[in-house]
Amino acid sequence: MTTAVLARDGFETTRLTPPRVHFGGFEILRAIAALMVVVHHAGSAAGPERTGRLYDLTAVMDSGVAVFFVLSGFLIYRPFVAAQVEGRTAQRTGGFWWRRVLRIVPAYWAALTFFWAIGTFDLGPQWWRFYLFLQIYSPSTVFGGIVQAWSLATEMSFYLFLPVWAMALAAVSRRARTVGQTVALHLAGCALLIVGGTASRIAIEAWAPSKVGIAFDWLPTNLDLFGTGMALAVVSVWSVHDDALRARLDRLAARVEVWWLAAAAIFLWYAYRIGARTFEEGYSGWFWHRRQLSLALFTLLMMIPAVFGPQDRTWARRAWSWKPVVWLGTVSYGIYLWHLDWMKRSITSLGAFGSPSWPGWVHSVPGDSSFPYLVVVGVGVGTVFAAVSWYLLELPLQRFKGGLRAQRAPGALGRHEAQQ
């Protein structure tokens, strides 16, 4: 069963707050997602010749971002659903947005400012777009600054959208008389979002084809990924109130390796049968829909045994509770932020006229860098700076998650509460 510990986000309730829920396997999923993105960038920088047979696989490892989106859908939506099903007052919108800003913005601003200051990139006259998460809406800025931070702009859009969506669902389901009816309405809402993601992609291709190149960064085209995680969150809440359903789901999810092997099979099929597209080509047509469907299913298969099943048994669940794995998941956001620009700093880069603008740490030929070397830099140096960011910035700031009127001593903050 799921372990009850300090939760990631508090509720403001009118009743006694129930034991908060922590999903232990999610740390390893965060770590896997971050490492996938590191490997993707290493493969892209090294190129096909230096990456070899792994290149097709590394080319689609950017799908670690999709894992983050599905996880966010689950973790962010579940408290809203649980509060409604249990008849409690949901977390206030202002408090929700404050916690999201506190968790995401300071660490991102710190990394962005640091790399801008040392000359890794030039943000140009539209520098403010990067600080306000608006870079994804202009072709001239979408891949500037910390390139992978486009996903943070998508996440911030989701954070703005979700409380409004949850309030709308709450209003629609007020007349529901049973848990089953409430759950059905929320699942219908998730289905609508999943369909909406597909519809958004079709609409953009039909009505704004010039935007296809950057539209894959936008929230509407990724609603099916967030909606998949949200649907699993609804089922998770439902299982708390239905012992028979919980027993069936626990039996079904008992063998972690079965679910993860199925996830690996889906991902390999996606890598070698669907493959990657260049940014110049952009995502379009059936390719785009298959990509989203494959990655949603891949992530869902990995998440199910972390949500259901005997969490205190089996070697796989004990392995993902190993402290180094948990720690890596804890600092994964920092790894995601810091790895790529240190990779770029470590190798030779060319200026406008073909002469080296930065010698790098190794004097490699631009475009001909060692894939293993780049992975080591991304993981190693990225993790060092992620740890500094976590302990000196991210963790201390979490004491303000409840607002200035609800500060708690640092020692009273749970590790899992601080992480999300």
Foldseek 3Di string as FASTA:
>chain_A
DFDFDDAQADWDKPDPDDGHTDLLLVLLLLLQLLLLCLLLLLLVQQDDVQVDPCNLVSVPSPLSLLLVLLQCLQRVQLQLLLCLQVVIDGHDLVLLLLLVCLQPQPLLVVLQVVCCVVPLFPCPPVVVCSNVLNQLVDPVRQCGGQRSCLSVSQVNVCSVPPVVLSVVLSVVCVPPDHLVSSLVSQLVVLVVQLVQLVVVQVCCVVPPVVCQLRCCSHNRVQSNSSSLSNNVSSLLSVCVVPVVSQVVLQVVLADLVVLLVVLVVLSVCCSPVLTHDDSVVGDHDPSSVSSSVSSSSSSVSNCSNSSGHDLVDDPVSVVSNPVVSSVSSLLSVQLNRNQNSQLVQQDFDADPVGHTPHCHVDNDDRNNDNSVVSSCSSVPVSVVRSVCCVPVRQLVSCQCSSHPVRGDDSVVDDSNNSRD
